[in-house]
Amino acid sequence: MKIIELKTWPEYFIAVKLGTKTFEYRKNDRDFQEDDLLILKEYNPETKEYSGHTQLVQVRKVYNGIPGLPADYCIMEIRNAKIELIKGEK
C-alpha cells in the first residue's frame, strides 16, 4: 500500500467528496495498486493554485489492459476513506 498525492480539479474533487464519482482515469505513472490511499488535493487549473482542501480515497480495484484503454493508463475504482485513530494504552 502506498500513499499518493494527486492534483484534482474542483468539479471532480467535489464529485468524489459527495461520493458520486467512484472511478478515476489516470496515467498509470505511479503503479497504482488496490488498497493504495490517494490524497486528492483540490487544484484550480485557471489560477494554478491549490485551495487547501484535501480528500482521502482508497483504491478498491485497478483496471489495466482494457481494449481501447491506452497501455499506460488505468481506471481505478475508488471510495472515500476514513482514518481511524487508535489511542495507545498508557
PDB file of N, CA and C in Angstrom:
ATOM      1  N   MET A   1       0.850  -1.190   0.000  1.00  0.00           N
ATOM      2  CA  MET A   1       0.000   0.000   0.000  1.00  0.00           C
ATOM      3  C   MET A   1       0.887   1.242   0.000  1.00  0.00           C
ATOM      4  N   LYS A   2       0.550   2.159  -0.889  1.00  0.00           N
ATOM      5  CA  LYS A   2       1.258   3.429  -0.965  1.00  0.00           C
ATOM      6  C   LYS A   2       0.282   4.559  -0.654  1.00  0.00           C
ATOM      7  N   ILE A   3       0.832   5.687  -0.273  1.00  0.00           N
ATOM      8  CA  ILE A   3       0.051   6.918  -0.117  1.00  0.00           C
ATOM      9  C   ILE A   3       0.541   7.858  -1.202  1.00  0.00           C
ATOM     10  N   ILE A   4      -0.398   8.285  -2.062  1.00  0.00           N
ATOM     11  CA  ILE A   4      -0.042   9.066  -3.246  1.00  0.00           C
ATOM     12  C   ILE A   4      -0.860  10.354  -3.276  1.00  0.00           C
ATOM     13  N   GLU A   5      -0.202  11.489  -3.458  1.00  0.00           N
ATOM     14  CA  GLU A   5      -0.895  12.773  -3.585  1.00  0.00           C
ATOM     15  C   GLU A   5      -1.174  13.045  -5.056  1.00  0.00           C
ATOM     16  N   LEU A   6      -2.419  13.475  -5.334  1.00  0.00           N
ATOM     17  CA  LEU A   6      -2.816  13.772  -6.712  1.00  0.00           C
ATOM     18  C   LEU A   6      -3.521  15.128  -6.790  1.00  0.00           C
ATOM     19  N   LYS A   7      -3.189  15.876  -7.802  1.00  0.00           N
ATOM     20  CA  LYS A   7      -3.851  17.138  -8.121  1.00  0.00           C
ATOM     21  C   LYS A   7      -5.223  16.814  -8.712  1.00  0.00           C
ATOM     22  N   THR A   8      -6.290  17.469  -8.224  1.00  0.00           N
ATOM     23  CA  THR A   8      -7.648  17.184  -8.702  1.00  0.00           C
ATOM     24  C   THR A   8      -8.406  18.481  -8.941  1.00  0.00           C
ATOM     25  N   TRP A   9      -8.983  18.623 -10.122  1.00  0.00           N
ATOM     26  CA  TRP A   9      -9.746  19.826 -10.457  1.00  0.00           C
ATOM     27  C   TRP A   9     -11.002  19.914  -9.596  1.00  0.00           C
ATOM     28  N   PRO A  10     -11.475  21.142  -9.315  1.00  0.00           N
ATOM     29  CA  PRO A  10     -12.592  21.349  -8.385  1.00  0.00           C
ATOM     30  C   PRO A  10     -13.850  20.529  -8.669  1.00  0.00           C
ATOM     31  N   GLU A  11     -14.300  20.465  -9.934  1.00  0.00           N
ATOM     32  CA  GLU A  11     -15.548  19.741 -10.209  1.00  0.00           C
ATOM     33  C   GLU A  11     -15.424  18.249  -9.909  1.00  0.00           C
ATOM     34  N   TYR A  12     -14.249  17.689 -10.145  1.00  0.00           N
ATOM     35  CA  TYR A  12     -14.028  16.268  -9.856  1.00  0.00           C
ATOM     36  C   TYR A  12     -13.821  16.055  -8.359  1.00  0.00           C
ATOM     37  N   PHE A  13     -13.137  16.985  -7.730  1.00  0.00           N
ATOM     38  CA  PHE A  13     -12.911  16.915  -6.280  1.00  0.00           C
ATOM     39  C   PHE A  13     -14.245  16.872  -5.534  1.00  0.00           C
ATOM     40  N   ILE A  14     -15.157  17.763  -5.907  1.00  0.00           N
ATOM     41  CA  ILE A  14     -16.469  17.822  -5.250  1.00  0.00           C
ATOM     42  C   ILE A  14     -17.253  16.529  -5.484  1.00  0.00           C
ATOM     43  N   ALA A  15     -17.225  16.031  -6.727  1.00  0.00           N
ATOM     44  CA  ALA A  15     -17.957  14.797  -7.039  1.00  0.00           C
ATOM     45  C   ALA A  15     -17.418  13.608  -6.244  1.00  0.00           C
ATOM     46  N   VAL A  16     -16.117  13.534  -6.067  1.00  0.00           N
ATOM     47  CA  VAL A  16     -15.542  12.461  -5.258  1.00  0.00           C
ATOM     48  C   VAL A  16     -15.965  12.624  -3.807  1.00  0.00           C
ATOM     49  N   LYS A  17     -15.876  13.847  -3.311  1.00  0.00           N
ATOM     50  CA  LYS A  17     -16.248  14.118  -1.913  1.00  0.00           C
ATOM     51  C   LYS A  17     -17.710  13.738  -1.643  1.00  0.00           C
ATOM     52  N   LEU A  18     -18.596  14.011  -2.607  1.00  0.00           N
ATOM     53  CA  LEU A  18     -20.015  13.676  -2.457  1.00  0.00           C
ATOM     54  C   LEU A  18     -20.294  12.188  -2.681  1.00  0.00           C
ATOM     55  N   GLY A  19     -19.315  11.475  -3.231  1.00  0.00           N
ATOM     56  CA  GLY A  19     -19.490  10.048  -3.480  1.00  0.00           C
ATOM     57  C   GLY A  19     -20.152   9.726  -4.800  1.00  0.00           C
ATOM     58  N   THR A  20     -20.322  10.736  -5.670  1.00  0.00           N
ATOM     59  CA  THR A  20     -20.949  10.496  -6.969  1.00  0.00           C
ATOM     60  C   THR A  20     -19.932  10.116  -8.045  1.00  0.00           C
ATOM     61  N   LYS A  21     -18.669  10.371  -7.802  1.00  0.00           N
ATOM     62  CA  LYS A  21     -17.594   9.964  -8.719  1.00  0.00           C
ATOM     63  C   LYS A  21     -16.820   8.856  -8.023  1.00  0.00           C
ATOM     64  N   THR A  22     -16.942   7.641  -8.555  1.00  0.00           N
ATOM     65  CA  THR A  22     -16.340   6.479  -7.900  1.00  0.00           C
ATOM     66  C   THR A  22     -15.253   5.814  -8.751  1.00  0.00           C
ATOM     67  N   PHE A  23     -14.911   6.431  -9.877  1.00  0.00           N
ATOM     68  CA  PHE A  23     -13.854   5.917 -10.733  1.00  0.00           C
ATOM     69  C   PHE A  23     -12.907   7.051 -11.090  1.00  0.00           C
ATOM     70  N   GLU A  24     -11.653   6.705 -11.272  1.00  0.00           N
ATOM     71  CA  GLU A  24     -10.632   7.679 -11.635  1.00  0.00           C
ATOM     72  C   GLU A  24      -9.855   7.128 -12.822  1.00  0.00           C
ATOM     73  N   TYR A  25      -9.727   7.932 -13.879  1.00  0.00           N
ATOM     74  CA  TYR A  25      -8.984   7.573 -15.081  1.00  0.00           C
ATOM     75  C   TYR A  25      -7.688   8.367 -15.053  1.00  0.00           C
ATOM     76  N   ARG A  26      -6.577   7.692 -14.979  1.00  0.00           N
ATOM     77  CA  ARG A  26      -5.287   8.369 -14.857  1.00  0.00           C
ATOM     78  C   ARG A  26      -4.199   7.637 -15.625  1.00  0.00           C
ATOM     79  N   LYS A  27      -3.169   8.395 -15.959  1.00  0.00           N
ATOM     80  CA  LYS A  27      -1.957   7.776 -16.473  1.00  0.00           C
ATOM     81  C   LYS A  27      -1.378   6.968 -15.313  1.00  0.00           C
ATOM     82  N   ASN A  28      -1.029   5.735 -15.583  1.00  0.00           N
ATOM     83  CA  ASN A  28      -0.538   4.863 -14.517  1.00  0.00           C
ATOM     84  C   ASN A  28       0.977   5.000 -14.381  1.00  0.00           C
ATOM     85  N   ASP A  29       1.406   6.220 -14.071  1.00  0.00           N
ATOM     86  CA  ASP A  29       2.830   6.501 -13.923  1.00  0.00           C
ATOM     87  C   ASP A  29       3.307   6.313 -12.482  1.00  0.00           C
ATOM     88  N   ARG A  30       2.407   5.836 -11.616  1.00  0.00           N
ATOM     89  CA  ARG A  30       2.774   5.629 -10.207  1.00  0.00           C
ATOM     90  C   ARG A  30       2.484   4.210  -9.748  1.00  0.00           C
ATOM     91  N   ASP A  31       2.248   3.333 -10.705  1.00  0.00           N
ATOM     92  CA  ASP A  31       1.969   1.928 -10.415  1.00  0.00           C
ATOM     93  C   ASP A  31       0.868   1.779  -9.367  1.00  0.00           C
ATOM     94  N   PHE A  32      -0.298   2.358  -9.648  1.00  0.00           N
ATOM     95  CA  PHE A  32      -1.434   2.292  -8.732  1.00  0.00           C
ATOM     96  C   PHE A  32      -1.814   0.835  -8.468  1.00  0.00           C
ATOM     97  N   GLN A  33      -2.113   0.534  -7.220  1.00  0.00           N
ATOM     98  CA  GLN A  33      -2.482  -0.816  -6.800  1.00  0.00           C
ATOM     99  C   GLN A  33      -3.697  -0.761  -5.884  1.00  0.00           C
ATOM    100  N   GLU A  34      -4.395  -1.900  -5.768  1.00  0.00           N
ATOM    101  CA  GLU A  34      -5.505  -1.993  -4.825  1.00  0.00           C
ATOM    102  C   GLU A  34      -5.001  -1.654  -3.424  1.00  0.00           C
ATOM    103  N   ASP A  35      -5.853  -0.976  -2.672  1.00  0.00           N
ATOM    104  CA  ASP A  35      -5.600  -0.551  -1.290  1.00  0.00           C
ATOM    105  C   ASP A  35      -4.680   0.666  -1.167  1.00  0.00           C
ATOM    106  N   ASP A  36      -4.138   1.194  -2.274  1.00  0.00           N
ATOM    107  CA  ASP A  36      -3.387   2.446  -2.181  1.00  0.00           C
ATOM    108  C   ASP A  36      -4.323   3.525  -1.659  1.00  0.00           C
ATOM    109  N   LEU A  37      -3.766   4.474  -0.934  1.00  0.00           N
ATOM    110  CA  LEU A  37      -4.522   5.634  -0.466  1.00  0.00           C
ATOM    111  C   LEU A  37      -4.115   6.823  -1.314  1.00  0.00           C
ATOM    112  N   LEU A  38      -5.111   7.527  -1.832  1.00  0.00           N
ATOM    113  CA  LEU A  38      -4.869   8.712  -2.647  1.00  0.00           C
ATOM    114  C   LEU A  38      -5.290   9.945  -1.861  1.00  0.00           C
ATOM    115  N   ILE A  39      -4.400  10.887  -1.750  1.00  0.00           N
ATOM    116  CA  ILE A  39      -4.746  12.172  -1.148  1.00  0.00           C
ATOM    117  C   ILE A  39      -5.031  13.115  -2.303  1.00  0.00           C
ATOM    118  N   LEU A  40      -6.311  13.386  -2.519  1.00  0.00           N
ATOM    119  CA  LEU A  40      -6.703  14.293  -3.595  1.00  0.00           C
ATOM    120  C   LEU A  40      -6.597  15.721  -3.088  1.00  0.00           C
ATOM    121  N   LYS A  41      -5.856  16.538  -3.808  1.00  0.00           N
ATOM    122  CA  LYS A  41      -5.660  17.942  -3.436  1.00  0.00           C
ATOM    123  C   LYS A  41      -6.377  18.804  -4.468  1.00  0.00           C
ATOM    124  N   GLU A  42      -7.365  19.555  -4.011  1.00  0.00           N
ATOM    125  CA  GLU A  42      -8.148  20.386  -4.933  1.00  0.00           C
ATOM    126  C   GLU A  42      -7.255  21.458  -5.548  1.00  0.00           C
ATOM    127  N   TYR A  43      -7.257  21.502  -6.880  1.00  0.00           N
ATOM    128  CA  TYR A  43      -6.387  22.407  -7.635  1.00  0.00           C
ATOM    129  C   TYR A  43      -7.199  23.104  -8.716  1.00  0.00           C
ATOM    130  N   ASN A  44      -7.072  24.420  -8.780  1.00  0.00           N
ATOM    131  CA  ASN A  44      -7.775  25.199  -9.793  1.00  0.00           C
ATOM    132  C   ASN A  44      -6.829  25.433 -10.970  1.00  0.00           C
ATOM    133  N   PRO A  45      -7.103  24.834 -12.139  1.00  0.00           N
ATOM    134  CA  PRO A  45      -6.196  24.985 -13.277  1.00  0.00           C
ATOM    135  C   PRO A  45      -6.165  26.395 -13.850  1.00  0.00           C
ATOM    136  N   GLU A  46      -7.206  27.187 -13.591  1.00  0.00           N
ATOM    137  CA  GLU A  46      -7.223  28.563 -14.112  1.00  0.00           C
ATOM    138  C   GLU A  46      -6.298  29.470 -13.312  1.00  0.00           C
ATOM    139  N   THR A  47      -6.338  29.329 -11.988  1.00  0.00           N
ATOM    140  CA  THR A  47      -5.489  30.180 -11.135  1.00  0.00           C
ATOM    141  C   THR A  47      -4.144  29.524 -10.841  1.00  0.00           C
ATOM    142  N   LYS A  48      -4.052  28.213 -11.157  1.00  0.00           N
ATOM    143  CA  LYS A  48      -2.848  27.431 -10.871  1.00  0.00           C
ATOM    144  C   LYS A  48      -2.516  27.426  -9.377  1.00  0.00           C
ATOM    145  N   GLU A  49      -3.575  27.326  -8.560  1.00  0.00           N
ATOM    146  CA  GLU A  49      -3.402  27.327  -7.108  1.00  0.00           C
ATOM    147  C   GLU A  49      -4.197  26.189  -6.478  1.00  0.00           C
ATOM    148  N   TYR A  50      -3.674  25.712  -5.367  1.00  0.00           N
ATOM    149  CA  TYR A  50      -4.389  24.727  -4.559  1.00  0.00           C
ATOM    150  C   TYR A  50      -5.316  25.460  -3.604  1.00  0.00           C
ATOM    151  N   SER A  51      -6.485  24.876  -3.332  1.00  0.00           N
ATOM    152  CA  SER A  51      -7.451  25.508  -2.417  1.00  0.00           C
ATOM    153  C   SER A  51      -7.114  25.216  -0.961  1.00  0.00           C
ATOM    154  N   GLY A  52      -6.339  24.170  -0.716  1.00  0.00           N
ATOM    155  CA  GLY A  52      -6.059  23.739   0.652  1.00  0.00           C
ATOM    156  C   GLY A  52      -6.969  22.605   1.090  1.00  0.00           C
ATOM    157  N   HIS A  53      -7.979  22.277   0.263  1.00  0.00           N
ATOM    158  CA  HIS A  53      -8.886  21.164   0.583  1.00  0.00           C
ATOM    159  C   HIS A  53      -8.288  19.852   0.099  1.00  0.00           C
ATOM    160  N   THR A  54      -8.428  18.831   0.921  1.00  0.00           N
ATOM    161  CA  THR A  54      -7.957  17.501   0.553  1.00  0.00           C
ATOM    162  C   THR A  54      -9.038  16.477   0.839  1.00  0.00           C
ATOM    163  N   GLN A  55      -8.959  15.366   0.148  1.00  0.00           N
ATOM    164  CA  GLN A  55      -9.896  14.258   0.349  1.00  0.00           C
ATOM    165  C   GLN A  55      -9.107  12.961   0.248  1.00  0.00           C
ATOM    166  N   LEU A  56      -9.296  12.088   1.204  1.00  0.00           N
ATOM    167  CA  LEU A  56      -8.614  10.801   1.209  1.00  0.00           C
ATOM    168  C   LEU A  56      -9.525   9.742   0.594  1.00  0.00           C
ATOM    169  N   VAL A  57      -9.004   9.029  -0.394  1.00  0.00           N
ATOM    170  CA  VAL A  57      -9.760   7.933  -1.012  1.00  0.00           C
ATOM    171  C   VAL A  57      -8.884   6.690  -1.058  1.00  0.00           C
ATOM    172  N   GLN A  58      -9.550   5.543  -1.098  1.00  0.00           N
ATOM    173  CA  GLN A  58      -8.856   4.269  -1.191  1.00  0.00           C
ATOM    174  C   GLN A  58      -9.133   3.650  -2.552  1.00  0.00           C
ATOM    175  N   VAL A  59      -8.110   3.091  -3.155  1.00  0.00           N
ATOM    176  CA  VAL A  59      -8.262   2.386  -4.421  1.00  0.00           C
ATOM    177  C   VAL A  59      -8.800   0.991  -4.125  1.00  0.00           C
ATOM    178  N   ARG A  60      -9.961   0.687  -4.680  1.00  0.00           N
ATOM    179  CA  ARG A  60     -10.573  -0.635  -4.466  1.00  0.00           C
ATOM    180  C   ARG A  60     -10.147  -1.623  -5.536  1.00  0.00           C
ATOM    181  N   LYS A  61     -10.013  -1.149  -6.763  1.00  0.00           N
ATOM    182  CA  LYS A  61      -9.678  -2.031  -7.887  1.00  0.00           C
ATOM    183  C   LYS A  61      -8.987  -1.193  -8.958  1.00  0.00           C
ATOM    184  N   VAL A  62      -8.019  -1.788  -9.645  1.00  0.00           N
ATOM    185  CA  VAL A  62      -7.320  -1.130 -10.750  1.00  0.00           C
ATOM    186  C   VAL A  62      -7.549  -1.948 -12.005  1.00  0.00           C
ATOM    187  N   TYR A  63      -8.011  -1.277 -13.053  1.00  0.00           N
ATOM    188  CA  TYR A  63      -8.277  -1.934 -14.335  1.00  0.00           C
ATOM    189  C   TYR A  63      -7.221  -1.496 -15.348  1.00  0.00           C
ATOM    190  N   ASN A  64      -6.488  -2.462 -15.877  1.00  0.00           N
ATOM    191  CA  ASN A  64      -5.464  -2.245 -16.903  1.00  0.00           C
ATOM    192  C   ASN A  64      -5.769  -3.145 -18.083  1.00  0.00           C
ATOM    193  N   GLY A  65      -5.201  -2.828 -19.223  1.00  0.00           N
ATOM    194  CA  GLY A  65      -5.294  -3.730 -20.366  1.00  0.00           C
ATOM    195  C   GLY A  65      -6.685  -3.902 -20.946  1.00  0.00           C
ATOM    196  N   ILE A  66      -7.556  -2.944 -20.722  1.00  0.00           N
ATOM    197  CA  ILE A  66      -8.900  -2.991 -21.283  1.00  0.00           C
ATOM    198  C   ILE A  66      -8.822  -2.536 -22.738  1.00  0.00           C
ATOM    199  N   PRO A  67      -9.470  -3.252 -23.667  1.00  0.00           N
ATOM    200  CA  PRO A  67      -9.442  -2.818 -25.067  1.00  0.00           C
ATOM    201  C   PRO A  67      -9.881  -1.354 -25.207  1.00  0.00           C
ATOM    202  N   GLY A  68      -9.095  -0.584 -25.933  1.00  0.00           N
ATOM    203  CA  GLY A  68      -9.385   0.830 -26.137  1.00  0.00           C
ATOM    204  C   GLY A  68      -8.726   1.737 -25.115  1.00  0.00           C
ATOM    205  N   LEU A  69      -8.239   1.176 -24.019  1.00  0.00           N
ATOM    206  CA  LEU A  69      -7.561   1.956 -22.975  1.00  0.00           C
ATOM    207  C   LEU A  69      -6.077   2.023 -23.317  1.00  0.00           C
ATOM    208  N   PRO A  70      -5.505   3.236 -23.394  1.00  0.00           N
ATOM    209  CA  PRO A  70      -4.073   3.314 -23.689  1.00  0.00           C
ATOM    210  C   PRO A  70      -3.259   2.456 -22.708  1.00  0.00           C
ATOM    211  N   ALA A  71      -2.199   1.856 -23.205  1.00  0.00           N
ATOM    212  CA  ALA A  71      -1.404   0.910 -22.411  1.00  0.00           C
ATOM    213  C   ALA A  71      -0.872   1.513 -21.114  1.00  0.00           C
ATOM    214  N   ASP A  72      -0.583   2.817 -21.104  1.00  0.00           N
ATOM    215  CA  ASP A  72      -0.001   3.429 -19.906  1.00  0.00           C
ATOM    216  C   ASP A  72      -1.044   4.133 -19.029  1.00  0.00           C
ATOM    217  N   TYR A  73      -2.327   3.826 -19.224  1.00  0.00           N
ATOM    218  CA  TYR A  73      -3.414   4.404 -18.426  1.00  0.00           C
ATOM    219  C   TYR A  73      -4.151   3.299 -17.679  1.00  0.00           C
ATOM    220  N   CYS A  74      -4.858   3.707 -16.634  1.00  0.00           N
ATOM    221  CA  CYS A  74      -5.673   2.756 -15.883  1.00  0.00           C
ATOM    222  C   CYS A  74      -6.963   3.442 -15.438  1.00  0.00           C
ATOM    223  N   ILE A  75      -7.905   2.624 -15.053  1.00  0.00           N
ATOM    224  CA  ILE A  75      -9.135   3.104 -14.429  1.00  0.00           C
ATOM    225  C   ILE A  75      -9.136   2.518 -13.025  1.00  0.00           C
ATOM    226  N   MET A  76      -9.325   3.377 -12.038  1.00  0.00           N
ATOM    227  CA  MET A  76      -9.339   2.922 -10.648  1.00  0.00           C
ATOM    228  C   MET A  76     -10.730   3.080 -10.065  1.00  0.00           C
ATOM    229  N   GLU A  77     -11.208   2.058  -9.421  1.00  0.00           N
ATOM    230  CA  GLU A  77     -12.430   2.157  -8.638  1.00  0.00           C
ATOM    231  C   GLU A  77     -12.000   2.701  -7.275  1.00  0.00           C
ATOM    232  N   ILE A  78     -12.623   3.802  -6.852  1.00  0.00           N
ATOM    233  CA  ILE A  78     -12.215   4.449  -5.601  1.00  0.00           C
ATOM    234  C   ILE A  78     -13.405   4.626  -4.661  1.00  0.00           C
ATOM    235  N   ARG A  79     -13.095   4.789  -3.394  1.00  0.00           N
ATOM    236  CA  ARG A  79     -14.129   5.108  -2.400  1.00  0.00           C
ATOM    237  C   ARG A  79     -13.509   6.031  -1.374  1.00  0.00           C
ATOM    238  N   ASN A  80     -14.354   6.881  -0.807  1.00  0.00           N
ATOM    239  CA  ASN A  80     -13.885   7.767   0.247  1.00  0.00           C
ATOM    240  C   ASN A  80     -13.377   6.917   1.396  1.00  0.00           C
ATOM    241  N   ALA A  81     -12.294   7.354   2.016  1.00  0.00           N
ATOM    242  CA  ALA A  81     -11.689   6.609   3.114  1.00  0.00           C
ATOM    243  C   ALA A  81     -11.706   7.455   4.368  1.00  0.00           C
ATOM    244  N   LYS A  82     -11.708   6.772   5.474  1.00  0.00           N
ATOM    245  CA  LYS A  82     -11.646   7.444   6.770  1.00  0.00           C
ATOM    246  C   LYS A  82     -10.457   6.866   7.520  1.00  0.00           C
ATOM    247  N   ILE A  83      -9.802   7.707   8.264  1.00  0.00           N
ATOM    248  CA  ILE A  83      -8.689   7.253   9.080  1.00  0.00           C
ATOM    249  C   ILE A  83      -9.205   7.105  10.511  1.00  0.00           C
ATOM    250  N   GLU A  84      -8.987   5.935  11.065  1.00  0.00           N
ATOM    251  CA  GLU A  84      -9.354   5.722  12.455  1.00  0.00           C
ATOM    252  C   GLU A  84      -8.089   5.865  13.288  1.00  0.00           C
ATOM    253  N   LEU A  85      -8.145   6.755  14.245  1.00  0.00           N
ATOM    254  CA  LEU A  85      -7.025   6.926  15.137  1.00  0.00           C
ATOM    255  C   LEU A  85      -7.213   6.005  16.332  1.00  0.00           C
ATOM    256  N   ILE A  86      -6.211   5.233  16.625  1.00  0.00           N
ATOM    257  CA  ILE A  86      -6.280   4.307  17.743  1.00  0.00           C
ATOM    258  C   ILE A  86      -5.467   4.873  18.884  1.00  0.00           C
ATOM    259  N   LYS A  87      -6.115   5.077  19.971  1.00  0.00           N
ATOM    260  CA  LYS A  87      -5.442   5.643  21.133  1.00  0.00           C
ATOM    261  C   LYS A  87      -4.643   4.542  21.824  1.00  0.00           C
ATOM    262  N   GLY A  88      -3.357   4.770  21.985  1.00  0.00           N
ATOM    263  CA  GLY A  88      -2.491   3.786  22.619  1.00  0.00           C
ATOM    264  C   GLY A  88      -2.715   3.715  24.122  1.00  0.00           C
ATOM    265  N   GLU A  89      -2.427   2.570  24.682  1.00  0.00           N
ATOM    266  CA  GLU A  89      -2.547   2.394  26.120  1.00  0.00           C
ATOM    267  C   GLU A  89      -1.373   3.050  26.809  1.00  0.00           C
ATOM    268  N   LYS A  90      -1.630   3.598  27.975  1.00  0.00           N
ATOM    269  CA  LYS A  90      -0.563   4.254  28.745  1.00  0.00           C
ATOM    270  C   LYS A  90      -0.129   3.363  29.868  1.00  0.00           C
TER     271      LYS A  90
END
